[in-house]
Amino acid sequence: MIRGLARLLWERAMLEADPEEHPQLRPLALHVLGLYGRPAHETTPEEWEEAVLDAIAQRITDKWDRYGAPSAARTPEGRWVGSFEGPGEAYAVEASSKREAYRLARREWIKRLLDEP
C-alpha cells in the first residue's frame, strides 16, 4: 500500500515544474534530493518508493527515541491496559488480552507519530 501511494506521489511530482517548491510535495521531494543527490525529476518511481519508506521509518524511529514505546499491564481486576505518554495527551485503552491492549495502544501511537509535525 505504501509503495502504491509513493508511486502516486512520484507521478504527481512529475507533473510539477519544480516539485521541490510545491507546498505538499516539498518535504518528500527534498528527502529524495537528500537521499539520492538528484532533484525529483531525475529519480525513478522505485527511488520515490524507497524514499517514502525511509521517511516513514526515520520519523517513527526519531519519535520512538523521543517518546518511548507503548506498554501493556494487567489491572487488579484482570483486564489489560495498553498505554503511552506521548505524543499528544497520555493515552490508555483497556482490552481482554495483553496482546490486544498493546496492539491498540501501538496503533494509536503510530498514528500520532506520523501525524505530528
PDB file of N, CA and C in Angstrom:
ATOM      1  N   MET A   1       0.809  -1.182   0.000  1.00  0.00           N
ATOM      2  CA  MET A   1       0.000   0.000   0.000  1.00  0.00           C
ATOM      3  C   MET A   1       0.866   1.266   0.000  1.00  0.00           C
ATOM      4  N   ILE A   2       1.889   1.288   0.843  1.00  0.00           N
ATOM      5  CA  ILE A   2       2.739   2.477   0.912  1.00  0.00           C
ATOM      6  C   ILE A   2       3.481   2.681  -0.404  1.00  0.00           C
ATOM      7  N   ARG A   3       3.938   1.590  -1.003  1.00  0.00           N
ATOM      8  CA  ARG A   3       4.618   1.716  -2.305  1.00  0.00           C
ATOM      9  C   ARG A   3       3.667   2.271  -3.362  1.00  0.00           C
ATOM     10  N   GLY A   4       2.403   1.862  -3.322  1.00  0.00           N
ATOM     11  CA  GLY A   4       1.411   2.382  -4.268  1.00  0.00           C
ATOM     12  C   GLY A   4       1.192   3.873  -4.078  1.00  0.00           C
ATOM     13  N   LEU A   5       1.103   4.302  -2.822  1.00  0.00           N
ATOM     14  CA  LEU A   5       0.961   5.732  -2.544  1.00  0.00           C
ATOM     15  C   LEU A   5       2.198   6.504  -2.985  1.00  0.00           C
ATOM     16  N   ALA A   6       3.363   5.915  -2.764  1.00  0.00           N
ATOM     17  CA  ALA A   6       4.609   6.564  -3.194  1.00  0.00           C
ATOM     18  C   ALA A   6       4.633   6.721  -4.710  1.00  0.00           C
ATOM     19  N   ARG A   7       4.146   5.713  -5.411  1.00  0.00           N
ATOM     20  CA  ARG A   7       4.106   5.777  -6.879  1.00  0.00           C
ATOM     21  C   ARG A   7       3.185   6.912  -7.331  1.00  0.00           C
ATOM     22  N   LEU A   8       2.047   7.063  -6.662  1.00  0.00           N
ATOM     23  CA  LEU A   8       1.136   8.169  -6.996  1.00  0.00           C
ATOM     24  C   LEU A   8       1.806   9.521  -6.745  1.00  0.00           C
ATOM     25  N   LEU A   9       2.536   9.621  -5.655  1.00  0.00           N
ATOM     26  CA  LEU A   9       3.251  10.867  -5.359  1.00  0.00           C
ATOM     27  C   LEU A   9       4.307  11.160  -6.422  1.00  0.00           C
ATOM     28  N   TRP A  10       5.011  10.120  -6.853  1.00  0.00           N
ATOM     29  CA  TRP A  10       6.011  10.305  -7.905  1.00  0.00           C
ATOM     30  C   TRP A  10       5.344  10.802  -9.190  1.00  0.00           C
ATOM     31  N   GLU A  11       4.230  10.158  -9.560  1.00  0.00           N
ATOM     32  CA  GLU A  11       3.515  10.567 -10.776  1.00  0.00           C
ATOM     33  C   GLU A  11       3.060  12.020 -10.669  1.00  0.00           C
ATOM     34  N   ARG A  12       2.571  12.409  -9.506  1.00  0.00           N
ATOM     35  CA  ARG A  12       2.140  13.798  -9.302  1.00  0.00           C
ATOM     36  C   ARG A  12       3.326  14.741  -9.364  1.00  0.00           C
ATOM     37  N   ALA A  13       4.433  14.345  -8.777  1.00  0.00           N
ATOM     38  CA  ALA A  13       5.629  15.196  -8.793  1.00  0.00           C
ATOM     39  C   ALA A  13       6.133  15.413 -10.214  1.00  0.00           C
ATOM     40  N   MET A  14       5.996  14.400 -11.060  1.00  0.00           N
ATOM     41  CA  MET A  14       6.474  14.527 -12.434  1.00  0.00           C
ATOM     42  C   MET A  14       5.645  15.521 -13.241  1.00  0.00           C
ATOM     43  N   LEU A  15       4.452  15.859 -12.770  1.00  0.00           N
ATOM     44  CA  LEU A  15       3.604  16.847 -13.438  1.00  0.00           C
ATOM     45  C   LEU A  15       3.982  18.280 -13.057  1.00  0.00           C
ATOM     46  N   GLU A  16       4.745  18.421 -11.993  1.00  0.00           N
ATOM     47  CA  GLU A  16       5.124  19.748 -11.499  1.00  0.00           C
ATOM     48  C   GLU A  16       6.396  20.250 -12.179  1.00  0.00           C
ATOM     49  N   ALA A  17       6.459  21.544 -12.400  1.00  0.00           N
ATOM     50  CA  ALA A  17       7.672  22.142 -12.959  1.00  0.00           C
ATOM     51  C   ALA A  17       8.820  22.028 -11.956  1.00  0.00           C
ATOM     52  N   ASP A  18       8.511  22.200 -10.679  1.00  0.00           N
ATOM     53  CA  ASP A  18       9.529  22.148  -9.632  1.00  0.00           C
ATOM     54  C   ASP A  18       8.931  21.534  -8.368  1.00  0.00           C
ATOM     55  N   PRO A  19       8.929  20.200  -8.257  1.00  0.00           N
ATOM     56  CA  PRO A  19       8.318  19.556  -7.086  1.00  0.00           C
ATOM     57  C   PRO A  19       8.919  19.999  -5.761  1.00  0.00           C
ATOM     58  N   GLU A  20      10.196  20.422  -5.793  1.00  0.00           N
ATOM     59  CA  GLU A  20      10.844  20.871  -4.564  1.00  0.00           C
ATOM     60  C   GLU A  20      10.214  22.154  -4.022  1.00  0.00           C
ATOM     61  N   GLU A  21       9.437  22.860  -4.831  1.00  0.00           N
ATOM     62  CA  GLU A  21       8.785  24.093  -4.398  1.00  0.00           C
ATOM     63  C   GLU A  21       7.276  23.922  -4.195  1.00  0.00           C
ATOM     64  N   HIS A  22       6.728  22.761  -4.527  1.00  0.00           N
ATOM     65  CA  HIS A  22       5.300  22.511  -4.348  1.00  0.00           C
ATOM     66  C   HIS A  22       5.017  22.337  -2.858  1.00  0.00           C
ATOM     67  N   PRO A  23       4.002  23.040  -2.311  1.00  0.00           N
ATOM     68  CA  PRO A  23       3.781  23.013  -0.852  1.00  0.00           C
ATOM     69  C   PRO A  23       3.622  21.607  -0.267  1.00  0.00           C
ATOM     70  N   GLN A  24       2.865  20.727  -0.919  1.00  0.00           N
ATOM     71  CA  GLN A  24       2.644  19.399  -0.369  1.00  0.00           C
ATOM     72  C   GLN A  24       3.751  18.410  -0.737  1.00  0.00           C
ATOM     73  N   LEU A  25       4.371  18.575  -1.873  1.00  0.00           N
ATOM     74  CA  LEU A  25       5.413  17.642  -2.313  1.00  0.00           C
ATOM     75  C   LEU A  25       6.795  18.010  -1.792  1.00  0.00           C
ATOM     76  N   ARG A  26       6.973  19.248  -1.392  1.00  0.00           N
ATOM     77  CA  ARG A  26       8.287  19.747  -0.981  1.00  0.00           C
ATOM     78  C   ARG A  26       9.005  18.862   0.049  1.00  0.00           C
ATOM     79  N   PRO A  27       8.360  18.492   1.171  1.00  0.00           N
ATOM     80  CA  PRO A  27       9.097  17.694   2.158  1.00  0.00           C
ATOM     81  C   PRO A  27       9.645  16.388   1.576  1.00  0.00           C
ATOM     82  N   LEU A  28       8.842  15.692   0.818  1.00  0.00           N
ATOM     83  CA  LEU A  28       9.299  14.429   0.246  1.00  0.00           C
ATOM     84  C   LEU A  28      10.302  14.665  -0.880  1.00  0.00           C
ATOM     85  N   ALA A  29      10.058  15.667  -1.706  1.00  0.00           N
ATOM     86  CA  ALA A  29      10.995  15.967  -2.791  1.00  0.00           C
ATOM     87  C   ALA A  29      12.376  16.319  -2.227  1.00  0.00           C
ATOM     88  N   LEU A  30      12.409  17.059  -1.134  1.00  0.00           N
ATOM     89  CA  LEU A  30      13.695  17.394  -0.502  1.00  0.00           C
ATOM     90  C   LEU A  30      14.326  16.156   0.133  1.00  0.00           C
ATOM     91  N   HIS A  31      13.499  15.257   0.665  1.00  0.00           N
ATOM     92  CA  HIS A  31      14.021  13.998   1.215  1.00  0.00           C
ATOM     93  C   HIS A  31      14.652  13.170   0.096  1.00  0.00           C
ATOM     94  N   VAL A  32      13.987  13.118  -1.046  1.00  0.00           N
ATOM     95  CA  VAL A  32      14.519  12.403  -2.217  1.00  0.00           C
ATOM     96  C   VAL A  32      15.850  13.024  -2.636  1.00  0.00           C
ATOM     97  N   LEU A  33      15.898  14.330  -2.687  1.00  0.00           N
ATOM     98  CA  LEU A  33      17.130  15.030  -3.046  1.00  0.00           C
ATOM     99  C   LEU A  33      18.258  14.692  -2.081  1.00  0.00           C
ATOM    100  N   GLY A  34      17.934  14.677  -0.788  1.00  0.00           N
ATOM    101  CA  GLY A  34      18.942  14.343   0.213  1.00  0.00           C
ATOM    102  C   GLY A  34      19.429  12.906   0.114  1.00  0.00           C
ATOM    103  N   LEU A  35      18.524  11.978  -0.205  1.00  0.00           N
ATOM    104  CA  LEU A  35      18.914  10.568  -0.319  1.00  0.00           C
ATOM    105  C   LEU A  35      19.740  10.277  -1.552  1.00  0.00           C
ATOM    106  N   TYR A  36      19.323  10.846  -2.667  1.00  0.00           N
ATOM    107  CA  TYR A  36      19.935  10.473  -3.950  1.00  0.00           C
ATOM    108  C   TYR A  36      20.812  11.550  -4.564  1.00  0.00           C
ATOM    109  N   GLY A  37      20.770  12.754  -4.010  1.00  0.00           N
ATOM    110  CA  GLY A  37      21.610  13.824  -4.537  1.00  0.00           C
ATOM    111  C   GLY A  37      21.168  14.331  -5.898  1.00  0.00           C
ATOM    112  N   ARG A  38      19.919  14.024  -6.249  1.00  0.00           N
ATOM    113  CA  ARG A  38      19.365  14.483  -7.526  1.00  0.00           C
ATOM    114  C   ARG A  38      17.968  15.039  -7.283  1.00  0.00           C
ATOM    115  N   PRO A  39      17.550  15.999  -8.117  1.00  0.00           N
ATOM    116  CA  PRO A  39      16.195  16.519  -7.967  1.00  0.00           C
ATOM    117  C   PRO A  39      15.150  15.454  -8.303  1.00  0.00           C
ATOM    118  N   ALA A  40      13.923  15.702  -7.860  1.00  0.00           N
ATOM    119  CA  ALA A  40      12.822  14.748  -8.025  1.00  0.00           C
ATOM    120  C   ALA A  40      12.646  14.295  -9.466  1.00  0.00           C
ATOM    121  N   HIS A  41      12.776  15.206 -10.417  1.00  0.00           N
ATOM    122  CA  HIS A  41      12.564  14.856 -11.830  1.00  0.00           C
ATOM    123  C   HIS A  41      13.598  13.865 -12.360  1.00  0.00           C
ATOM    124  N   GLU A  42      14.679  13.682 -11.639  1.00  0.00           N
ATOM    125  CA  GLU A  42      15.732  12.784 -12.109  1.00  0.00           C
ATOM    126  C   GLU A  42      15.721  11.451 -11.366  1.00  0.00           C
ATOM    127  N   THR A  43      14.640  11.144 -10.686  1.00  0.00           N
ATOM    128  CA  THR A  43      14.561   9.903  -9.936  1.00  0.00           C
ATOM    129  C   THR A  43      13.526   8.961 -10.550  1.00  0.00           C
ATOM    130  N   THR A  44      13.627   7.716 -10.171  1.00  0.00           N
ATOM    131  CA  THR A  44      12.695   6.696 -10.660  1.00  0.00           C
ATOM    132  C   THR A  44      11.554   6.511  -9.662  1.00  0.00           C
ATOM    133  N   PRO A  45      10.469   5.888 -10.098  1.00  0.00           N
ATOM    134  CA  PRO A  45       9.395   5.598  -9.143  1.00  0.00           C
ATOM    135  C   PRO A  45       9.884   4.719  -7.992  1.00  0.00           C
ATOM    136  N   GLU A  46      10.775   3.797  -8.283  1.00  0.00           N
ATOM    137  CA  GLU A  46      11.315   2.922  -7.240  1.00  0.00           C
ATOM    138  C   GLU A  46      12.113   3.712  -6.204  1.00  0.00           C
ATOM    139  N   GLU A  47      12.831   4.721  -6.646  1.00  0.00           N
ATOM    140  CA  GLU A  47      13.567   5.562  -5.702  1.00  0.00           C
ATOM    141  C   GLU A  47      12.607   6.354  -4.814  1.00  0.00           C
ATOM    142  N   TRP A  48      11.500   6.824  -5.375  1.00  0.00           N
ATOM    143  CA  TRP A  48      10.496   7.513  -4.564  1.00  0.00           C
ATOM    144  C   TRP A  48       9.890   6.555  -3.554  1.00  0.00           C
ATOM    145  N   GLU A  49       9.631   5.319  -3.963  1.00  0.00           N
ATOM    146  CA  GLU A  49       9.081   4.328  -3.036  1.00  0.00           C
ATOM    147  C   GLU A  49      10.024   4.146  -1.852  1.00  0.00           C
ATOM    148  N   GLU A  50      11.297   3.976  -2.153  1.00  0.00           N
ATOM    149  CA  GLU A  50      12.279   3.800  -1.084  1.00  0.00           C
ATOM    150  C   GLU A  50      12.383   5.053  -0.219  1.00  0.00           C
ATOM    151  N   ALA A  51      12.283   6.227  -0.833  1.00  0.00           N
ATOM    152  CA  ALA A  51      12.358   7.474  -0.079  1.00  0.00           C
ATOM    153  C   ALA A  51      11.170   7.616   0.870  1.00  0.00           C
ATOM    154  N   VAL A  52       9.980   7.238   0.414  1.00  0.00           N
ATOM    155  CA  VAL A  52       8.799   7.305   1.284  1.00  0.00           C
ATOM    156  C   VAL A  52       8.968   6.346   2.459  1.00  0.00           C
ATOM    157  N   LEU A  53       9.378   5.116   2.175  1.00  0.00           N
ATOM    158  CA  LEU A  53       9.597   4.150   3.254  1.00  0.00           C
ATOM    159  C   LEU A  53      10.660   4.650   4.228  1.00  0.00           C
ATOM    160  N   ASP A  54      11.734   5.221   3.687  1.00  0.00           N
ATOM    161  CA  ASP A  54      12.801   5.745   4.531  1.00  0.00           C
ATOM    162  C   ASP A  54      12.301   6.899   5.395  1.00  0.00           C
ATOM    163  N   ALA A  55      11.505   7.794   4.808  1.00  0.00           N
ATOM    164  CA  ALA A  55      10.986   8.939   5.563  1.00  0.00           C
ATOM    165  C   ALA A  55      10.077   8.476   6.702  1.00  0.00           C
ATOM    166  N   ILE A  56       9.229   7.497   6.432  1.00  0.00           N
ATOM    167  CA  ILE A  56       8.340   6.975   7.470  1.00  0.00           C
ATOM    168  C   ILE A  56       9.148   6.290   8.570  1.00  0.00           C
ATOM    169  N   ALA A  57      10.088   5.444   8.172  1.00  0.00           N
ATOM    170  CA  ALA A  57      10.920   4.747   9.156  1.00  0.00           C
ATOM    171  C   ALA A  57      11.711   5.738  10.005  1.00  0.00           C
ATOM    172  N   GLN A  58      12.244   6.766   9.374  1.00  0.00           N
ATOM    173  CA  GLN A  58      13.014   7.774  10.099  1.00  0.00           C
ATOM    174  C   GLN A  58      12.135   8.504  11.105  1.00  0.00           C
ATOM    175  N   ARG A  59      10.929   8.880  10.689  1.00  0.00           N
ATOM    176  CA  ARG A  59      10.016   9.584  11.586  1.00  0.00           C
ATOM    177  C   ARG A  59       9.662   8.710  12.787  1.00  0.00           C
ATOM    178  N   ILE A  60       9.358   7.443  12.540  1.00  0.00           N
ATOM    179  CA  ILE A  60       8.978   6.545  13.636  1.00  0.00           C
ATOM    180  C   ILE A  60      10.142   6.351  14.599  1.00  0.00           C
ATOM    181  N   THR A  61      11.337   6.100  14.085  1.00  0.00           N
ATOM    182  CA  THR A  61      12.465   5.853  14.994  1.00  0.00           C
ATOM    183  C   THR A  61      12.855   7.116  15.761  1.00  0.00           C
ATOM    184  N   ASP A  62      12.801   8.280  15.113  1.00  0.00           N
ATOM    185  CA  ASP A  62      13.103   9.529  15.821  1.00  0.00           C
ATOM    186  C   ASP A  62      12.108   9.767  16.960  1.00  0.00           C
ATOM    187  N   LYS A  63      10.834   9.571  16.680  1.00  0.00           N
ATOM    188  CA  LYS A  63       9.809   9.789  17.703  1.00  0.00           C
ATOM    189  C   LYS A  63       9.863   8.694  18.772  1.00  0.00           C
ATOM    190  N   TRP A  64      10.194   7.483  18.378  1.00  0.00           N
ATOM    191  CA  TRP A  64      10.333   6.384  19.339  1.00  0.00           C
ATOM    192  C   TRP A  64      11.407   6.754  20.363  1.00  0.00           C
ATOM    193  N   ASP A  65      12.532   7.278  19.856  1.00  0.00           N
ATOM    194  CA  ASP A  65      13.605   7.708  20.760  1.00  0.00           C
ATOM    195  C   ASP A  65      13.130   8.828  21.687  1.00  0.00           C
ATOM    196  N   ARG A  66      12.271   9.697  21.166  1.00  0.00           N
ATOM    197  CA  ARG A  66      11.802  10.840  21.955  1.00  0.00           C
ATOM    198  C   ARG A  66      10.751  10.443  22.994  1.00  0.00           C
ATOM    199  N   TYR A  67       9.796   9.596  22.602  1.00  0.00           N
ATOM    200  CA  TYR A  67       8.663   9.295  23.475  1.00  0.00           C
ATOM    201  C   TYR A  67       8.696   7.917  24.124  1.00  0.00           C
ATOM    202  N   GLY A  68       9.487   7.020  23.612  1.00  0.00           N
ATOM    203  CA  GLY A  68       9.424   5.650  24.089  1.00  0.00           C
ATOM    204  C   GLY A  68       8.230   4.936  23.470  1.00  0.00           C
ATOM    205  N   ALA A  69       8.161   3.654  23.685  1.00  0.00           N
ATOM    206  CA  ALA A  69       7.111   2.848  23.065  1.00  0.00           C
ATOM    207  C   ALA A  69       5.932   2.643  24.009  1.00  0.00           C
ATOM    208  N   PRO A  70       4.767   2.310  23.465  1.00  0.00           N
ATOM    209  CA  PRO A  70       3.636   1.957  24.318  1.00  0.00           C
ATOM    210  C   PRO A  70       3.946   0.711  25.146  1.00  0.00           C
ATOM    211  N   SER A  71       3.175   0.518  26.194  1.00  0.00           N
ATOM    212  CA  SER A  71       3.337  -0.682  27.018  1.00  0.00           C
ATOM    213  C   SER A  71       1.966  -1.218  27.385  1.00  0.00           C
ATOM    214  N   ALA A  72       1.949  -2.416  27.960  1.00  0.00           N
ATOM    215  CA  ALA A  72       0.698  -3.027  28.415  1.00  0.00           C
ATOM    216  C   ALA A  72       0.909  -3.588  29.810  1.00  0.00           C
ATOM    217  N   ALA A  73      -0.137  -3.500  30.638  1.00  0.00           N
ATOM    218  CA  ALA A  73      -0.072  -4.009  32.009  1.00  0.00           C
ATOM    219  C   ALA A  73      -1.443  -4.529  32.420  1.00  0.00           C
ATOM    220  N   ARG A  74      -1.434  -5.458  33.366  1.00  0.00           N
ATOM    221  CA  ARG A  74      -2.680  -6.042  33.870  1.00  0.00           C
ATOM    222  C   ARG A  74      -3.203  -5.211  35.046  1.00  0.00           C
ATOM    223  N   THR A  75      -4.518  -5.005  35.060  1.00  0.00           N
ATOM    224  CA  THR A  75      -5.159  -4.323  36.194  1.00  0.00           C
ATOM    225  C   THR A  75      -5.436  -5.346  37.294  1.00  0.00           C
ATOM    226  N   PRO A  76      -5.700  -4.893  38.513  1.00  0.00           N
ATOM    227  CA  PRO A  76      -6.043  -5.840  39.584  1.00  0.00           C
ATOM    228  C   PRO A  76      -7.295  -6.675  39.259  1.00  0.00           C
ATOM    229  N   GLU A  77      -8.149  -6.150  38.406  1.00  0.00           N
ATOM    230  CA  GLU A  77      -9.365  -6.866  38.020  1.00  0.00           C
ATOM    231  C   GLU A  77      -9.109  -7.902  36.927  1.00  0.00           C
ATOM    232  N   GLY A  78      -7.894  -7.988  36.422  1.00  0.00           N
ATOM    233  CA  GLY A  78      -7.562  -8.980  35.397  1.00  0.00           C
ATOM    234  C   GLY A  78      -7.684  -8.489  33.964  1.00  0.00           C
ATOM    235  N   ARG A  79      -8.054  -7.242  33.753  1.00  0.00           N
ATOM    236  CA  ARG A  79      -8.093  -6.662  32.405  1.00  0.00           C
ATOM    237  C   ARG A  79      -6.697  -6.170  32.043  1.00  0.00           C
ATOM    238  N   TRP A  80      -6.505  -5.900  30.788  1.00  0.00           N
ATOM    239  CA  TRP A  80      -5.211  -5.393  30.318  1.00  0.00           C
ATOM    240  C   TRP A  80      -5.377  -3.959  29.836  1.00  0.00           C
ATOM    241  N   VAL A  81      -4.381  -3.137  30.125  1.00  0.00           N
ATOM    242  CA  VAL A  81      -4.375  -1.741  29.705  1.00  0.00           C
ATOM    243  C   VAL A  81      -3.122  -1.501  28.872  1.00  0.00           C
ATOM    244  N   GLY A  82      -3.326  -0.956  27.684  1.00  0.00           N
ATOM    245  CA  GLY A  82      -2.212  -0.507  26.853  1.00  0.00           C
ATOM    246  C   GLY A  82      -2.130   1.004  26.972  1.00  0.00           C
ATOM    247  N   SER A  83      -0.920   1.552  27.055  1.00  0.00           N
ATOM    248  CA  SER A  83      -0.814   2.999  27.261  1.00  0.00           C
ATOM    249  C   SER A  83       0.495   3.551  26.724  1.00  0.00           C
ATOM    250  N   PHE A  84       0.496   4.892  26.571  1.00  0.00           N
ATOM    251  CA  PHE A  84       1.710   5.639  26.245  1.00  0.00           C
ATOM    252  C   PHE A  84       1.535   7.064  26.710  1.00  0.00           C
ATOM    253  N   GLU A  85       2.641   7.791  26.843  1.00  0.00           N
ATOM    254  CA  GLU A  85       2.627   9.159  27.352  1.00  0.00           C
ATOM    255  C   GLU A  85       2.601  10.225  26.266  1.00  0.00           C
ATOM    256  N   GLY A  86       3.035   9.936  25.099  1.00  0.00           N
ATOM    257  CA  GLY A  86       3.067  10.954  24.052  1.00  0.00           C
ATOM    258  C   GLY A  86       3.447  10.334  22.740  1.00  0.00           C
ATOM    259  N   PRO A  87       3.281  11.009  21.669  1.00  0.00           N
ATOM    260  CA  PRO A  87       2.965  12.436  21.520  1.00  0.00           C
ATOM    261  C   PRO A  87       1.505  12.743  21.837  1.00  0.00           C
ATOM    262  N   GLY A  88       1.259  14.022  22.078  1.00  0.00           N
ATOM    263  CA  GLY A  88      -0.077  14.435  22.465  1.00  0.00           C
ATOM    264  C   GLY A  88      -0.359  14.066  23.908  1.00  0.00           C
ATOM    265  N   GLU A  89      -1.628  13.984  24.222  1.00  0.00           N
ATOM    266  CA  GLU A  89      -2.039  13.642  25.579  1.00  0.00           C
ATOM    267  C   GLU A  89      -1.747  12.175  25.857  1.00  0.00           C
ATOM    268  N   ALA A  90      -1.611  11.866  27.134  1.00  0.00           N
ATOM    269  CA  ALA A  90      -1.443  10.466  27.532  1.00  0.00           C
ATOM    270  C   ALA A  90      -2.644   9.668  27.036  1.00  0.00           C
ATOM    271  N   TYR A  91      -2.400   8.397  26.738  1.00  0.00           N
ATOM    272  CA  TYR A  91      -3.441   7.543  26.155  1.00  0.00           C
ATOM    273  C   TYR A  91      -3.434   6.193  26.849  1.00  0.00           C
ATOM    274  N   ALA A  92      -4.633   5.674  27.126  1.00  0.00           N
ATOM    275  CA  ALA A  92      -4.763   4.333  27.699  1.00  0.00           C
ATOM    276  C   ALA A  92      -6.008   3.686  27.121  1.00  0.00           C
ATOM    277  N   VAL A  93      -5.910   2.380  26.904  1.00  0.00           N
ATOM    278  CA  VAL A  93      -7.032   1.619  26.363  1.00  0.00           C
ATOM    279  C   VAL A  93      -7.090   0.268  27.067  1.00  0.00           C
ATOM    280  N   GLU A  94      -8.300  -0.185  27.406  1.00  0.00           N
ATOM    281  CA  GLU A  94      -8.470  -1.500  28.028  1.00  0.00           C
ATOM    282  C   GLU A  94      -8.797  -2.542  26.977  1.00  0.00           C
ATOM    283  N   ALA A  95      -8.354  -3.763  27.234  1.00  0.00           N
ATOM    284  CA  ALA A  95      -8.643  -4.884  26.343  1.00  0.00           C
ATOM    285  C   ALA A  95      -8.652  -6.174  27.146  1.00  0.00           C
ATOM    286  N   SER A  96      -9.094  -7.236  26.512  1.00  0.00           N
ATOM    287  CA  SER A  96      -9.209  -8.515  27.218  1.00  0.00           C
ATOM    288  C   SER A  96      -7.909  -9.308  27.240  1.00  0.00           C
ATOM    289  N   SER A  97      -6.928  -8.904  26.424  1.00  0.00           N
ATOM    290  CA  SER A  97      -5.639  -9.602  26.418  1.00  0.00           C
ATOM    291  C   SER A  97      -4.500  -8.596  26.348  1.00  0.00           C
ATOM    292  N   LYS A  98      -3.346  -9.036  26.800  1.00  0.00           N
ATOM    293  CA  LYS A  98      -2.163  -8.182  26.744  1.00  0.00           C
ATOM    294  C   LYS A  98      -1.846  -7.823  25.296  1.00  0.00           C
ATOM    295  N   ARG A  99      -1.911  -8.824  24.438  1.00  0.00           N
ATOM    296  CA  ARG A  99      -1.608  -8.608  23.021  1.00  0.00           C
ATOM    297  C   ARG A  99      -2.521  -7.544  22.411  1.00  0.00           C
ATOM    298  N   GLU A 100      -3.829  -7.640  22.695  1.00  0.00           N
ATOM    299  CA  GLU A 100      -4.791  -6.685  22.138  1.00  0.00           C
ATOM    300  C   GLU A 100      -4.586  -5.288  22.722  1.00  0.00           C
ATOM    301  N   ALA A 101      -4.325  -5.190  24.022  1.00  0.00           N
ATOM    302  CA  ALA A 101      -4.084  -3.886  24.648  1.00  0.00           C
ATOM    303  C   ALA A 101      -2.856  -3.217  24.029  1.00  0.00           C
ATOM    304  N   TYR A 102      -1.795  -3.979  23.860  1.00  0.00           N
ATOM    305  CA  TYR A 102      -0.579  -3.422  23.266  1.00  0.00           C
ATOM    306  C   TYR A 102      -0.813  -3.045  21.810  1.00  0.00           C
ATOM    307  N   ARG A 103      -1.546  -3.887  21.077  1.00  0.00           N
ATOM    308  CA  ARG A 103      -1.821  -3.615  19.661  1.00  0.00           C
ATOM    309  C   ARG A 103      -2.618  -2.321  19.511  1.00  0.00           C
ATOM    310  N   LEU A 104      -3.651  -2.132  20.321  1.00  0.00           N
ATOM    311  CA  LEU A 104      -4.473  -0.927  20.234  1.00  0.00           C
ATOM    312  C   LEU A 104      -3.678   0.324  20.599  1.00  0.00           C
ATOM    313  N   ALA A 105      -2.883   0.244  21.654  1.00  0.00           N
ATOM    314  CA  ALA A 105      -2.063   1.394  22.056  1.00  0.00           C
ATOM    315  C   ALA A 105      -1.019   1.702  20.987  1.00  0.00           C
ATOM    316  N   ARG A 106      -0.388   0.671  20.464  1.00  0.00           N
ATOM    317  CA  ARG A 106       0.647   0.868  19.441  1.00  0.00           C
ATOM    318  C   ARG A 106       0.062   1.495  18.185  1.00  0.00           C
ATOM    319  N   ARG A 107      -1.136   1.059  17.804  1.00  0.00           N
ATOM    320  CA  ARG A 107      -1.777   1.607  16.605  1.00  0.00           C
ATOM    321  C   ARG A 107      -2.035   3.107  16.749  1.00  0.00           C
ATOM    322  N   GLU A 108      -2.595   3.516  17.884  1.00  0.00           N
ATOM    323  CA  GLU A 108      -2.853   4.937  18.117  1.00  0.00           C
ATOM    324  C   GLU A 108      -1.549   5.720  18.199  1.00  0.00           C
ATOM    325  N   TRP A 109      -0.547   5.134  18.823  1.00  0.00           N
ATOM    326  CA  TRP A 109       0.759   5.779  18.969  1.00  0.00           C
ATOM    327  C   TRP A 109       1.387   6.044  17.603  1.00  0.00           C
ATOM    328  N   ILE A 110       1.348   5.037  16.720  1.00  0.00           N
ATOM    329  CA  ILE A 110       1.914   5.198  15.369  1.00  0.00           C
ATOM    330  C   ILE A 110       1.163   6.274  14.606  1.00  0.00           C
ATOM    331  N   LYS A 111      -0.165   6.291  14.697  1.00  0.00           N
ATOM    332  CA  LYS A 111      -0.945   7.340  14.032  1.00  0.00           C
ATOM    333  C   LYS A 111      -0.479   8.716  14.492  1.00  0.00           C
ATOM    334  N   ARG A 112      -0.323   8.856  15.801  1.00  0.00           N
ATOM    335  CA  ARG A 112       0.114  10.150  16.338  1.00  0.00           C
ATOM    336  C   ARG A 112       1.534  10.491  15.900  1.00  0.00           C
ATOM    337  N   LEU A 113       2.420   9.515  15.880  1.00  0.00           N
ATOM    338  CA  LEU A 113       3.797   9.770  15.446  1.00  0.00           C
ATOM    339  C   LEU A 113       3.831  10.303  14.022  1.00  0.00           C
ATOM    340  N   LEU A 114       3.037   9.693  13.160  1.00  0.00           N
ATOM    341  CA  LEU A 114       3.044  10.071  11.758  1.00  0.00           C
ATOM    342  C   LEU A 114       2.304  11.386  11.504  1.00  0.00           C
ATOM    343  N   ASP A 115       1.388  11.760  12.405  1.00  0.00           N
ATOM    344  CA  ASP A 115       0.603  12.980  12.223  1.00  0.00           C
ATOM    345  C   ASP A 115       1.271  14.190  12.848  1.00  0.00           C
ATOM    346  N   GLU A 116       2.180  13.949  13.784  1.00  0.00           N
ATOM    347  CA  GLU A 116       2.826  15.064  14.475  1.00  0.00           C
ATOM    348  C   GLU A 116       3.756  15.825  13.534  1.00  0.00           C
ATOM    349  N   PRO A 117       3.742  17.157  13.620  1.00  0.00           N
ATOM    350  CA  PRO A 117       4.636  17.945  12.739  1.00  0.00           C
ATOM    351  C   PRO A 117       6.096  17.741  13.044  1.00  0.00           C
TER     352      PRO A 117
END
